[in-house]
């Protein structure tokens, strides 16, 4: 493995570990457990409507859409036009895809496959 690749992986690991430590808490664990208890989309709508503002939900869903579009190699301009996301948001999501905790990766392939299936 080239030195630059090792350096990139090491920086990614440091970034993930430092953010993970900041994030973990009893409250957040309980929040995630509550989410895992939701069984239907209607449950999710009801829960998140109570827990989040509309702006927060729109921001989160927009970032997920941006991640999907980046994953299928759309350009920043295409993503900006399609989603209305700012280049700062697109850049932030791109950074998470490259150096984040791989959380997007847990769902992106399945979501993209579902989108392709629905287009047929």
PDB file of N, CA and C in Angstrom:
ATOM      1  N   UNK A   1       0.852  -1.177   0.000  1.00  0.00           N
ATOM      2  CA  UNK A   1       0.000   0.000   0.000  1.00  0.00           C
ATOM      3  C   UNK A   1       0.897   1.238   0.000  1.00  0.00           C
ATOM      4  N   UNK A   2       0.565   2.189  -0.809  1.00  0.00           N
ATOM      5  CA  UNK A   2       1.362   3.403  -0.907  1.00  0.00           C
ATOM      6  C   UNK A   2       1.235   4.231   0.364  1.00  0.00           C
ATOM      7  N   UNK A   3       2.268   5.015   0.630  1.00  0.00           N
ATOM      8  CA  UNK A   3       2.306   5.858   1.824  1.00  0.00           C
ATOM      9  C   UNK A   3       1.092   6.775   1.900  1.00  0.00           C
ATOM     10  N   UNK A   4       0.729   7.401   0.767  1.00  0.00           N
ATOM     11  CA  UNK A   4      -0.419   8.320   0.768  1.00  0.00           C
ATOM     12  C   UNK A   4      -1.714   7.610   1.139  1.00  0.00           C
ATOM     13  N   UNK A   5      -1.892   6.372   0.649  1.00  0.00           N
ATOM     14  CA  UNK A   5      -3.099   5.612   0.988  1.00  0.00           C
ATOM     15  C   UNK A   5      -3.141   5.288   2.473  1.00  0.00           C
ATOM     16  N   UNK A   6      -2.005   4.931   3.038  1.00  0.00           N
ATOM     17  CA  UNK A   6      -1.929   4.635   4.471  1.00  0.00           C
ATOM     18  C   UNK A   6      -2.248   5.891   5.271  1.00  0.00           C
ATOM     19  N   UNK A   7      -1.692   7.011   4.832  1.00  0.00           N
ATOM     20  CA  UNK A   7      -1.926   8.283   5.512  1.00  0.00           C
ATOM     21  C   UNK A   7      -3.413   8.654   5.468  1.00  0.00           C
ATOM     22  N   UNK A   8      -4.053   8.460   4.327  1.00  0.00           N
ATOM     23  CA  UNK A   8      -5.478   8.758   4.184  1.00  0.00           C
ATOM     24  C   UNK A   8      -6.299   7.869   5.110  1.00  0.00           C
ATOM     25  N   UNK A   9      -5.990   6.569   5.134  1.00  0.00           N
ATOM     26  CA  UNK A   9      -6.719   5.642   6.004  1.00  0.00           C
ATOM     27  C   UNK A   9      -6.526   5.986   7.473  1.00  0.00           C
ATOM     28  N   UNK A  10      -5.316   6.351   7.846  1.00  0.00           N
ATOM     29  CA  UNK A  10      -5.037   6.721   9.232  1.00  0.00           C
ATOM     30  C   UNK A  10      -5.813   7.982   9.617  1.00  0.00           C
ATOM     31  N   UNK A  11      -5.819   8.971   8.746  1.00  0.00           N
ATOM     32  CA  UNK A  11      -6.582  10.197   9.013  1.00  0.00           C
ATOM     33  C   UNK A  11      -8.074   9.903   9.122  1.00  0.00           C
ATOM     34  N   UNK A  12      -8.574   9.024   8.255  1.00  0.00           N
ATOM     35  CA  UNK A  12      -9.990   8.642   8.312  1.00  0.00           C
ATOM     36  C   UNK A  12     -10.288   7.978   9.650  1.00  0.00           C
ATOM     37  N   UNK A  13      -9.460   7.057  10.083  1.00  0.00           N
ATOM     38  CA  UNK A  13      -9.663   6.352  11.344  1.00  0.00           C
ATOM     39  C   UNK A  13      -9.656   7.337  12.513  1.00  0.00           C
ATOM     40  N   UNK A  14      -8.711   8.261  12.523  1.00  0.00           N
ATOM     41  CA  UNK A  14      -8.649   9.271  13.592  1.00  0.00           C
ATOM     42  C   UNK A  14      -9.910  10.126  13.616  1.00  0.00           C
ATOM     43  N   UNK A  15     -10.365  10.538  12.439  1.00  0.00           N
ATOM     44  CA  UNK A  15     -11.566  11.370  12.331  1.00  0.00           C
ATOM     45  C   UNK A  15     -12.784  10.619  12.868  1.00  0.00           C
ATOM     46  N   UNK A  16     -12.951   9.379  12.447  1.00  0.00           N
ATOM     47  CA  UNK A  16     -14.093   8.573  12.885  1.00  0.00           C
ATOM     48  C   UNK A  16     -14.050   8.367  14.387  1.00  0.00           C
ATOM     49  N   UNK A  17     -12.906   7.990  14.919  1.00  0.00           N
ATOM     50  CA  UNK A  17     -12.797   7.700  16.347  1.00  0.00           C
ATOM     51  C   UNK A  17     -13.029   8.952  17.194  1.00  0.00           C
ATOM     52  N   UNK A  18     -12.508  10.084  16.768  1.00  0.00           N
ATOM     53  CA  UNK A  18     -12.692  11.304  17.563  1.00  0.00           C
ATOM     54  C   UNK A  18     -14.156  11.736  17.565  1.00  0.00           C
ATOM     55  N   UNK A  19     -14.829  11.597  16.439  1.00  0.00           N
ATOM     56  CA  UNK A  19     -16.241  11.966  16.377  1.00  0.00           C
ATOM     57  C   UNK A  19     -17.123  10.960  17.104  1.00  0.00           C
ATOM     58  N   UNK A  20     -16.771   9.692  17.050  1.00  0.00           N
ATOM     59  CA  UNK A  20     -17.555   8.665  17.728  1.00  0.00           C
ATOM     60  C   UNK A  20     -17.561   8.892  19.231  1.00  0.00           C
ATOM     61  N   UNK A  21     -16.412   9.231  19.782  1.00  0.00           N
ATOM     62  CA  UNK A  21     -16.327   9.481  21.223  1.00  0.00           C
ATOM     63  C   UNK A  21     -17.180  10.683  21.624  1.00  0.00           C
ATOM     64  N   UNK A  22     -17.222  11.693  20.786  1.00  0.00           N
ATOM     65  CA  UNK A  22     -18.029  12.883  21.074  1.00  0.00           C
ATOM     66  C   UNK A  22     -19.518  12.558  21.015  1.00  0.00           C
ATOM     67  N   UNK A  23     -19.880  11.623  20.163  1.00  0.00           N
ATOM     68  CA  UNK A  23     -21.275  11.316  19.907  1.00  0.00           C
ATOM     69  C   UNK A  23     -21.902  10.407  20.954  1.00  0.00           C
ATOM     70  N   UNK A  24     -21.168   9.419  21.419  1.00  0.00           N
ATOM     71  CA  UNK A  24     -21.754   8.393  22.281  1.00  0.00           C
ATOM     72  C   UNK A  24     -22.242   8.956  23.610  1.00  0.00           C
ATOM     73  N   UNK A  25     -23.472   8.576  23.948  1.00  0.00           N
ATOM     74  CA  UNK A  25     -24.040   8.959  25.236  1.00  0.00           C
ATOM     75  C   UNK A  25     -25.231   8.051  25.522  1.00  0.00           C
ATOM     76  N   UNK A  26     -25.649   8.011  26.760  1.00  0.00           N
ATOM     77  CA  UNK A  26     -26.818   7.219  27.138  1.00  0.00           C
ATOM     78  C   UNK A  26     -28.053   7.724  26.404  1.00  0.00           C
ATOM     79  N   UNK A  27     -28.189   9.046  26.330  1.00  0.00           N
ATOM     80  CA  UNK A  27     -29.357   9.628  25.662  1.00  0.00           C
ATOM     81  C   UNK A  27     -29.411   9.253  24.185  1.00  0.00           C
ATOM     82  N   UNK A  28     -28.267   9.323  23.520  1.00  0.00           N
ATOM     83  CA  UNK A  28     -28.242   8.997  22.096  1.00  0.00           C
ATOM     84  C   UNK A  28     -28.482   7.505  21.884  1.00  0.00           C
ATOM     85  N   UNK A  29     -27.905   6.668  22.753  1.00  0.00           N
ATOM     86  CA  UNK A  29     -28.173   5.226  22.670  1.00  0.00           C
ATOM     87  C   UNK A  29     -29.671   4.959  22.782  1.00  0.00           C
ATOM     88  N   UNK A  30     -30.321   5.619  23.722  1.00  0.00           N
ATOM     89  CA  UNK A  30     -31.760   5.436  23.919  1.00  0.00           C
ATOM     90  C   UNK A  30     -32.554   5.947  22.715  1.00  0.00           C
ATOM     91  N   UNK A  31     -32.110   7.047  22.137  1.00  0.00           N
ATOM     92  CA  UNK A  31     -32.759   7.584  20.938  1.00  0.00           C
ATOM     93  C   UNK A  31     -32.687   6.570  19.798  1.00  0.00           C
ATOM     94  N   UNK A  32     -31.501   5.991  19.576  1.00  0.00           N
ATOM     95  CA  UNK A  32     -31.348   4.991  18.516  1.00  0.00           C
ATOM     96  C   UNK A  32     -32.192   3.753  18.805  1.00  0.00           C
ATOM     97  N   UNK A  33     -32.252   3.346  20.064  1.00  0.00           N
ATOM     98  CA  UNK A  33     -33.099   2.207  20.433  1.00  0.00           C
ATOM     99  C   UNK A  33     -34.567   2.508  20.125  1.00  0.00           C
ATOM    100  N   UNK A  34     -34.989   3.728  20.383  1.00  0.00           N
ATOM    101  CA  UNK A  34     -36.367   4.125  20.068  1.00  0.00           C
ATOM    102  C   UNK A  34     -36.624   4.034  18.567  1.00  0.00           C
ATOM    103  N   UNK A  35     -35.676   4.492  17.763  1.00  0.00           N
ATOM    104  CA  UNK A  35     -35.827   4.422  16.306  1.00  0.00           C
ATOM    105  C   UNK A  35     -35.947   2.970  15.857  1.00  0.00           C
ATOM    106  N   UNK A  36     -35.134   2.100  16.443  1.00  0.00           N
ATOM    107  CA  UNK A  36     -35.174   0.688  16.063  1.00  0.00           C
ATOM    108  C   UNK A  36     -36.494   0.014  16.434  1.00  0.00           C
ATOM    109  N   UNK A  37     -37.259   0.616  17.320  1.00  0.00           N
ATOM    110  CA  UNK A  37     -38.575   0.078  17.700  1.00  0.00           C
ATOM    111  C   UNK A  37     -39.662   0.416  16.679  1.00  0.00           C
ATOM    112  N   UNK A  38     -39.408   1.382  15.808  1.00  0.00           N
ATOM    113  CA  UNK A  38     -40.397   1.785  14.807  1.00  0.00           C
ATOM    114  C   UNK A  38     -40.531   0.681  13.762  1.00  0.00           C
ATOM    115  N   UNK A  39     -41.767   0.326  13.434  1.00  0.00           N
ATOM    116  CA  UNK A  39     -41.986  -0.822  12.557  1.00  0.00           C
ATOM    117  C   UNK A  39     -42.457  -0.448  11.149  1.00  0.00           C
ATOM    118  N   UNK A  40     -43.079   0.705  10.999  1.00  0.00           N
ATOM    119  CA  UNK A  40     -43.627   1.084   9.691  1.00  0.00           C
ATOM    120  C   UNK A  40     -43.221   2.516   9.347  1.00  0.00           C
ATOM    121  N   UNK A  41     -43.420   2.865   8.077  1.00  0.00           N
ATOM    122  CA  UNK A  41     -43.172   4.250   7.662  1.00  0.00           C
ATOM    123  C   UNK A  41     -44.079   5.203   8.412  1.00  0.00           C
ATOM    124  N   UNK A  42     -45.332   4.785   8.633  1.00  0.00           N
ATOM    125  CA  UNK A  42     -46.262   5.637   9.387  1.00  0.00           C
ATOM    126  C   UNK A  42     -45.758   5.875  10.807  1.00  0.00           C
ATOM    127  N   UNK A  43     -45.188   4.834  11.440  1.00  0.00           N
ATOM    128  CA  UNK A  43     -44.578   5.001  12.765  1.00  0.00           C
ATOM    129  C   UNK A  43     -43.457   6.038  12.699  1.00  0.00           C
ATOM    130  N   UNK A  44     -42.647   5.940  11.646  1.00  0.00           N
ATOM    131  CA  UNK A  44     -41.524   6.875  11.480  1.00  0.00           C
ATOM    132  C   UNK A  44     -42.024   8.302  11.297  1.00  0.00           C
ATOM    133  N   UNK A  45     -43.036   8.468  10.445  1.00  0.00           N
ATOM    134  CA  UNK A  45     -43.593   9.807  10.247  1.00  0.00           C
ATOM    135  C   UNK A  45     -44.083  10.396  11.567  1.00  0.00           C
ATOM    136  N   UNK A  46     -44.821   9.605  12.338  1.00  0.00           N
ATOM    137  CA  UNK A  46     -45.369  10.098  13.610  1.00  0.00           C
ATOM    138  C   UNK A  46     -44.251  10.440  14.593  1.00  0.00           C
ATOM    139  N   UNK A  47     -43.284   9.546  14.729  1.00  0.00           N
ATOM    140  CA  UNK A  47     -42.194   9.755  15.685  1.00  0.00           C
ATOM    141  C   UNK A  47     -41.362  10.978  15.311  1.00  0.00           C
ATOM    142  N   UNK A  48     -40.909  11.015  14.059  1.00  0.00           N
ATOM    143  CA  UNK A  48     -40.019  12.103  13.657  1.00  0.00           C
ATOM    144  C   UNK A  48     -40.740  13.442  13.553  1.00  0.00           C
ATOM    145  N   UNK A  49     -42.037  13.428  13.297  1.00  0.00           N
ATOM    146  CA  UNK A  49     -42.793  14.683  13.305  1.00  0.00           C
ATOM    147  C   UNK A  49     -42.788  15.290  14.703  1.00  0.00           C
ATOM    148  N   UNK A  50     -42.844  14.421  15.716  1.00  0.00           N
ATOM    149  CA  UNK A  50     -42.815  14.901  17.101  1.00  0.00           C
ATOM    150  C   UNK A  50     -41.409  15.280  17.553  1.00  0.00           C
ATOM    151  N   UNK A  51     -40.407  14.572  17.065  1.00  0.00           N
ATOM    152  CA  UNK A  51     -39.037  14.735  17.563  1.00  0.00           C
ATOM    153  C   UNK A  51     -38.264  15.826  16.820  1.00  0.00           C
ATOM    154  N   UNK A  52     -38.516  15.967  15.530  1.00  0.00           N
ATOM    155  CA  UNK A  52     -37.741  16.901  14.698  1.00  0.00           C
ATOM    156  C   UNK A  52     -38.630  17.999  14.131  1.00  0.00           C
ATOM    157  N   UNK A  53     -37.992  19.101  13.785  1.00  0.00           N
ATOM    158  CA  UNK A  53     -38.709  20.135  13.043  1.00  0.00           C
ATOM    159  C   UNK A  53     -38.769  19.708  11.576  1.00  0.00           C
ATOM    160  N   UNK A  54     -39.662  20.320  10.823  1.00  0.00           N
ATOM    161  CA  UNK A  54     -39.734  20.020   9.391  1.00  0.00           C
ATOM    162  C   UNK A  54     -38.416  20.353   8.701  1.00  0.00           C
ATOM    163  N   UNK A  55     -37.794  21.436   9.119  1.00  0.00           N
ATOM    164  CA  UNK A  55     -36.510  21.838   8.533  1.00  0.00           C
ATOM    165  C   UNK A  55     -35.439  20.766   8.781  1.00  0.00           C
ATOM    166  N   UNK A  56     -35.391  20.234  10.001  1.00  0.00           N
ATOM    167  CA  UNK A  56     -34.419  19.183  10.320  1.00  0.00           C
ATOM    168  C   UNK A  56     -34.662  17.932   9.474  1.00  0.00           C
ATOM    169  N   UNK A  57     -35.914  17.525   9.362  1.00  0.00           N
ATOM    170  CA  UNK A  57     -36.238  16.346   8.550  1.00  0.00           C
ATOM    171  C   UNK A  57     -35.892  16.568   7.085  1.00  0.00           C
ATOM    172  N   UNK A  58     -36.202  17.749   6.571  1.00  0.00           N
ATOM    173  CA  UNK A  58     -35.852  18.057   5.183  1.00  0.00           C
ATOM    174  C   UNK A  58     -34.347  18.051   4.975  1.00  0.00           C
ATOM    175  N   UNK A  59     -33.598  18.589   5.922  1.00  0.00           N
ATOM    176  CA  UNK A  59     -32.135  18.613   5.814  1.00  0.00           C
ATOM    177  C   UNK A  59     -31.558  17.205   5.818  1.00  0.00           C
ATOM    178  N   UNK A  60     -32.050  16.373   6.724  1.00  0.00           N
ATOM    179  CA  UNK A  60     -31.552  15.000   6.818  1.00  0.00           C
ATOM    180  C   UNK A  60     -31.878  14.224   5.538  1.00  0.00           C
ATOM    181  N   UNK A  61     -33.120  14.325   5.077  1.00  0.00           N
ATOM    182  CA  UNK A  61     -33.506  13.584   3.873  1.00  0.00           C
ATOM    183  C   UNK A  61     -32.778  14.122   2.639  1.00  0.00           C
ATOM    184  N   UNK A  62     -32.521  15.435   2.609  1.00  0.00           N
ATOM    185  CA  UNK A  62     -31.773  16.017   1.496  1.00  0.00           C
ATOM    186  C   UNK A  62     -30.339  15.481   1.475  1.00  0.00           C
ATOM    187  N   UNK A  63     -29.712  15.375   2.647  1.00  0.00           N
ATOM    188  CA  UNK A  63     -28.343  14.850   2.702  1.00  0.00           C
ATOM    189  C   UNK A  63     -28.284  13.400   2.224  1.00  0.00           C
ATOM    190  N   UNK A  64     -29.295  12.617   2.560  1.00  0.00           N
ATOM    191  CA  UNK A  64     -29.330  11.232   2.089  1.00  0.00           C
ATOM    192  C   UNK A  64     -29.468  11.183   0.571  1.00  0.00           C
ATOM    193  N   UNK A  65     -30.319  12.033   0.017  1.00  0.00           N
ATOM    194  CA  UNK A  65     -30.476  12.095  -1.439  1.00  0.00           C
ATOM    195  C   UNK A  65     -29.173  12.547  -2.102  1.00  0.00           C
ATOM    196  N   UNK A  66     -28.511  13.520  -1.518  1.00  0.00           N
ATOM    197  CA  UNK A  66     -27.213  13.981  -2.039  1.00  0.00           C
ATOM    198  C   UNK A  66     -26.209  12.828  -2.025  1.00  0.00           C
ATOM    199  N   UNK A  67     -26.180  12.063  -0.946  1.00  0.00           N
ATOM    200  CA  UNK A  67     -25.257  10.924  -0.851  1.00  0.00           C
ATOM    201  C   UNK A  67     -25.538   9.906  -1.953  1.00  0.00           C
ATOM    202  N   UNK A  68     -26.818   9.625  -2.204  1.00  0.00           N
ATOM    203  CA  UNK A  68     -27.169   8.689  -3.283  1.00  0.00           C
ATOM    204  C   UNK A  68     -26.659   9.195  -4.623  1.00  0.00           C
ATOM    205  N   UNK A  69     -26.858  10.469  -4.882  1.00  0.00           N
ATOM    206  CA  UNK A  69     -26.450  11.040  -6.168  1.00  0.00           C
ATOM    207  C   UNK A  69     -24.932  11.085  -6.310  1.00  0.00           C
ATOM    208  N   UNK A  70     -24.230  11.369  -5.217  1.00  0.00           N
ATOM    209  CA  UNK A  70     -22.766  11.323  -5.259  1.00  0.00           C
ATOM    210  C   UNK A  70     -22.285   9.897  -5.521  1.00  0.00           C
ATOM    211  N   UNK A  71     -22.935   8.947  -4.906  1.00  0.00           N
ATOM    212  CA  UNK A  71     -22.555   7.536  -5.061  1.00  0.00           C
ATOM    213  C   UNK A  71     -22.698   7.080  -6.511  1.00  0.00           C
ATOM    214  N   UNK A  72     -23.699   7.612  -7.220  1.00  0.00           N
ATOM    215  CA  UNK A  72     -23.857   7.228  -8.628  1.00  0.00           C
ATOM    216  C   UNK A  72     -23.134   8.205  -9.565  1.00  0.00           C
ATOM    217  N   UNK A  73     -22.235   8.983  -8.969  1.00  0.00           N
ATOM    218  CA  UNK A  73     -21.298   9.838  -9.706  1.00  0.00           C
ATOM    219  C   UNK A  73     -21.930  11.025 -10.429  1.00  0.00           C
ATOM    220  N   UNK A  74     -22.975  11.589  -9.853  1.00  0.00           N
ATOM    221  CA  UNK A  74     -23.522  12.836 -10.400  1.00  0.00           C
ATOM    222  C   UNK A  74     -22.573  13.972 -10.023  1.00  0.00           C
ATOM    223  N   UNK A  75     -22.556  15.020 -10.833  1.00  0.00           N
ATOM    224  CA  UNK A  75     -21.699  16.170 -10.551  1.00  0.00           C
ATOM    225  C   UNK A  75     -22.357  17.062  -9.504  1.00  0.00           C
ATOM    226  N   UNK A  76     -21.550  17.926  -8.901  1.00  0.00           N
ATOM    227  CA  UNK A  76     -22.090  18.883  -7.930  1.00  0.00           C
ATOM    228  C   UNK A  76     -23.204  19.714  -8.560  1.00  0.00           C
ATOM    229  N   UNK A  77     -22.996  20.163  -9.804  1.00  0.00           N
ATOM    230  CA  UNK A  77     -24.016  20.983 -10.477  1.00  0.00           C
ATOM    231  C   UNK A  77     -25.315  20.214 -10.659  1.00  0.00           C
ATOM    232  N   UNK A  78     -25.213  18.958 -11.088  1.00  0.00           N
ATOM    233  CA  UNK A  78     -26.414  18.142 -11.267  1.00  0.00           C
ATOM    234  C   UNK A  78     -27.144  17.948  -9.941  1.00  0.00           C
ATOM    235  N   UNK A  79     -26.381  17.684  -8.891  1.00  0.00           N
ATOM    236  CA  UNK A  79     -26.971  17.458  -7.566  1.00  0.00           C
ATOM    237  C   UNK A  79     -27.632  18.732  -7.051  1.00  0.00           C
ATOM    238  N   UNK A  80     -26.947  19.854  -7.240  1.00  0.00           N
ATOM    239  CA  UNK A  80     -27.490  21.142  -6.799  1.00  0.00           C
ATOM    240  C   UNK A  80     -28.824  21.432  -7.493  1.00  0.00           C
ATOM    241  N   UNK A  81     -28.877  21.188  -8.803  1.00  0.00           N
ATOM    242  CA  UNK A  81     -30.113  21.424  -9.558  1.00  0.00           C
ATOM    243  C   UNK A  81     -31.223  20.456  -9.151  1.00  0.00           C
ATOM    244  N   UNK A  82     -30.863  19.201  -8.935  1.00  0.00           N
ATOM    245  CA  UNK A  82     -31.866  18.173  -8.636  1.00  0.00           C
ATOM    246  C   UNK A  82     -32.421  18.263  -7.216  1.00  0.00           C
ATOM    247  N   UNK A  83     -31.566  18.665  -6.264  1.00  0.00           N
ATOM    248  CA  UNK A  83     -31.984  18.626  -4.854  1.00  0.00           C
ATOM    249  C   UNK A  83     -32.175  19.994  -4.219  1.00  0.00           C
ATOM    250  N   UNK A  84     -31.571  21.015  -4.810  1.00  0.00           N
ATOM    251  CA  UNK A  84     -31.594  22.333  -4.187  1.00  0.00           C
ATOM    252  C   UNK A  84     -30.567  22.477  -3.076  1.00  0.00           C
ATOM    253  N   UNK A  85     -29.735  21.456  -2.888  1.00  0.00           N
ATOM    254  CA  UNK A  85     -28.701  21.501  -1.850  1.00  0.00           C
ATOM    255  C   UNK A  85     -27.603  22.482  -2.247  1.00  0.00           C
ATOM    256  N   UNK A  86     -27.050  23.149  -1.257  1.00  0.00           N
ATOM    257  CA  UNK A  86     -25.935  24.063  -1.517  1.00  0.00           C
ATOM    258  C   UNK A  86     -24.672  23.252  -1.784  1.00  0.00           C
ATOM    259  N   UNK A  87     -23.701  23.893  -2.420  1.00  0.00           N
ATOM    260  CA  UNK A  87     -22.434  23.196  -2.654  1.00  0.00           C
ATOM    261  C   UNK A  87     -21.745  22.875  -1.326  1.00  0.00           C
ATOM    262  N   UNK A  88     -21.981  23.678  -0.301  1.00  0.00           N
ATOM    263  CA  UNK A  88     -21.413  23.388   1.025  1.00  0.00           C
ATOM    264  C   UNK A  88     -21.991  22.084   1.583  1.00  0.00           C
ATOM    265  N   UNK A  89     -23.298  21.892   1.427  1.00  0.00           N
ATOM    266  CA  UNK A  89     -23.932  20.654   1.885  1.00  0.00           C
ATOM    267  C   UNK A  89     -23.425  19.466   1.081  1.00  0.00           C
ATOM    268  N   UNK A  90     -23.341  19.626  -0.222  1.00  0.00           N
ATOM    269  CA  UNK A  90     -22.851  18.548  -1.085  1.00  0.00           C
ATOM    270  C   UNK A  90     -21.427  18.178  -0.692  1.00  0.00           C
ATOM    271  N   UNK A  91     -20.596  19.188  -0.459  1.00  0.00           N
ATOM    272  CA  UNK A  91     -19.211  18.958  -0.056  1.00  0.00           C
ATOM    273  C   UNK A  91     -19.134  18.239   1.289  1.00  0.00           C
ATOM    274  N   UNK A  92     -19.975  18.634   2.235  1.00  0.00           N
ATOM    275  CA  UNK A  92     -19.998  18.004   3.563  1.00  0.00           C
ATOM    276  C   UNK A  92     -20.385  16.528   3.453  1.00  0.00           C
ATOM    277  N   UNK A  93     -21.402  16.241   2.642  1.00  0.00           N
ATOM    278  CA  UNK A  93     -21.824  14.851   2.443  1.00  0.00           C
ATOM    279  C   UNK A  93     -20.720  14.066   1.746  1.00  0.00           C
ATOM    280  N   UNK A  94     -20.091  14.664   0.757  1.00  0.00           N
ATOM    281  CA  UNK A  94     -18.994  14.004   0.046  1.00  0.00           C
ATOM    282  C   UNK A  94     -17.852  13.668   1.004  1.00  0.00           C
ATOM    283  N   UNK A  95     -17.549  14.587   1.900  1.00  0.00           N
ATOM    284  CA  UNK A  95     -16.499  14.351   2.899  1.00  0.00           C
ATOM    285  C   UNK A  95     -16.881  13.177   3.810  1.00  0.00           C
ATOM    286  N   UNK A  96     -18.151  13.101   4.179  1.00  0.00           N
ATOM    287  CA  UNK A  96     -18.617  11.980   5.000  1.00  0.00           C
ATOM    288  C   UNK A  96     -18.515  10.660   4.243  1.00  0.00           C
ATOM    289  N   UNK A  97     -18.821  10.686   2.957  1.00  0.00           N
ATOM    290  CA  UNK A  97     -18.700   9.469   2.157  1.00  0.00           C
ATOM    291  C   UNK A  97     -17.248   9.010   2.065  1.00  0.00           C
ATOM    292  N   UNK A  98     -16.329   9.967   1.977  1.00  0.00           N
ATOM    293  CA  UNK A  98     -14.915   9.625   1.828  1.00  0.00           C
ATOM    294  C   UNK A  98     -14.228   9.320   3.149  1.00  0.00           C
ATOM    295  N   UNK A  99     -14.546  10.078   4.183  1.00  0.00           N
ATOM    296  CA  UNK A  99     -13.785   9.988   5.431  1.00  0.00           C
ATOM    297  C   UNK A  99     -14.640   9.703   6.662  1.00  0.00           C
ATOM    298  N   UNK A 100     -15.913   9.465   6.471  1.00  0.00           N
ATOM    299  CA  UNK A 100     -16.815   9.278   7.603  1.00  0.00           C
ATOM    300  C   UNK A 100     -16.792   7.871   8.168  1.00  0.00           C
ATOM    301  N   UNK A 101     -17.807   7.562   8.939  1.00  0.00           N
ATOM    302  CA  UNK A 101     -17.905   6.281   9.645  1.00  0.00           C
ATOM    303  C   UNK A 101     -18.549   5.198   8.785  1.00  0.00           C
ATOM    304  N   UNK A 102     -18.756   5.468   7.506  1.00  0.00           N
ATOM    305  CA  UNK A 102     -19.360   4.551   6.547  1.00  0.00           C
ATOM    306  C   UNK A 102     -20.828   4.268   6.855  1.00  0.00           C
ATOM    307  N   UNK A 103     -21.465   5.195   7.554  1.00  0.00           N
ATOM    308  CA  UNK A 103     -22.886   5.055   7.851  1.00  0.00           C
ATOM    309  C   UNK A 103     -23.751   5.110   6.603  1.00  0.00           C
ATOM    310  N   UNK A 104     -23.413   6.008   5.691  1.00  0.00           N
ATOM    311  CA  UNK A 104     -24.174   6.075   4.443  1.00  0.00           C
ATOM    312  C   UNK A 104     -24.103   4.739   3.702  1.00  0.00           C
ATOM    313  N   UNK A 105     -22.916   4.127   3.723  1.00  0.00           N
ATOM    314  CA  UNK A 105     -22.712   2.871   2.996  1.00  0.00           C
ATOM    315  C   UNK A 105     -23.646   1.771   3.482  1.00  0.00           C
ATOM    316  N   UNK A 106     -24.084   1.854   4.737  1.00  0.00           N
ATOM    317  CA  UNK A 106     -24.980   0.836   5.286  1.00  0.00           C
ATOM    318  C   UNK A 106     -26.314   0.786   4.548  1.00  0.00           C
ATOM    319  N   UNK A 107     -26.713   1.893   3.934  1.00  0.00           N
ATOM    320  CA  UNK A 107     -28.036   1.948   3.301  1.00  0.00           C
ATOM    321  C   UNK A 107     -28.017   2.320   1.821  1.00  0.00           C
ATOM    322  N   UNK A 108     -26.965   2.947   1.349  1.00  0.00           N
ATOM    323  CA  UNK A 108     -26.988   3.495  -0.013  1.00  0.00           C
ATOM    324  C   UNK A 108     -27.187   2.451  -1.098  1.00  0.00           C
ATOM    325  N   UNK A 109     -26.452   1.348  -1.041  1.00  0.00           N
ATOM    326  CA  UNK A 109     -26.579   0.348  -2.105  1.00  0.00           C
ATOM    327  C   UNK A 109     -28.008  -0.175  -2.204  1.00  0.00           C
ATOM    328  N   UNK A 110     -28.631  -0.443  -1.055  1.00  0.00           N
ATOM    329  CA  UNK A 110     -30.011  -0.936  -1.058  1.00  0.00           C
ATOM    330  C   UNK A 110     -30.974   0.123  -1.596  1.00  0.00           C
ATOM    331  N   UNK A 111     -30.776   1.381  -1.213  1.00  0.00           N
ATOM    332  CA  UNK A 111     -31.654   2.450  -1.705  1.00  0.00           C
ATOM    333  C   UNK A 111     -31.497   2.662  -3.207  1.00  0.00           C
ATOM    334  N   UNK A 112     -30.267   2.618  -3.690  1.00  0.00           N
ATOM    335  CA  UNK A 112     -30.015   2.797  -5.126  1.00  0.00           C
ATOM    336  C   UNK A 112     -30.625   1.634  -5.905  1.00  0.00           C
ATOM    337  N   UNK A 113     -30.465   0.411  -5.404  1.00  0.00           N
ATOM    338  CA  UNK A 113     -31.054  -0.761  -6.064  1.00  0.00           C
ATOM    339  C   UNK A 113     -32.577  -0.645  -6.105  1.00  0.00           C
ATOM    340  N   UNK A 114     -33.164  -0.176  -5.022  1.00  0.00           N
ATOM    341  CA  UNK A 114     -34.624   0.009  -4.967  1.00  0.00           C
ATOM    342  C   UNK A 114     -35.066   1.057  -5.988  1.00  0.00           C
ATOM    343  N   UNK A 115     -34.314   2.161  -6.093  1.00  0.00           N
ATOM    344  CA  UNK A 115     -34.633   3.202  -7.077  1.00  0.00           C
ATOM    345  C   UNK A 115     -34.590   2.639  -8.497  1.00  0.00           C
ATOM    346  N   UNK A 116     -33.550   1.851  -8.788  1.00  0.00           N
ATOM    347  CA  UNK A 116     -33.413   1.268 -10.128  1.00  0.00           C
ATOM    348  C   UNK A 116     -34.557   0.305 -10.423  1.00  0.00           C
ATOM    349  N   UNK A 117     -34.938  -0.489  -9.431  1.00  0.00           N
ATOM    350  CA  UNK A 117     -36.042  -1.443  -9.598  1.00  0.00           C
ATOM    351  C   UNK A 117     -37.355  -0.707  -9.854  1.00  0.00           C
ATOM    352  N   UNK A 118     -37.574   0.395  -9.140  1.00  0.00           N
ATOM    353  CA  UNK A 118     -38.811   1.167  -9.302  1.00  0.00           C
ATOM    354  C   UNK A 118     -38.889   1.877 -10.647  1.00  0.00           C
ATOM    355  N   UNK A 119     -37.728   2.141 -11.270  1.00  0.00           N
ATOM    356  CA  UNK A 119     -37.711   2.826 -12.567  1.00  0.00           C
ATOM    357  C   UNK A 119     -38.045   1.882 -13.715  1.00  0.00           C
ATOM    358  N   UNK A 120     -37.965   0.572 -13.473  1.00  0.00           N
ATOM    359  CA  UNK A 120     -38.240  -0.408 -14.541  1.00  0.00           C
ATOM    360  C   UNK A 120     -39.710  -0.520 -14.825  1.00  0.00           C
TER     361      UNK A 120
END
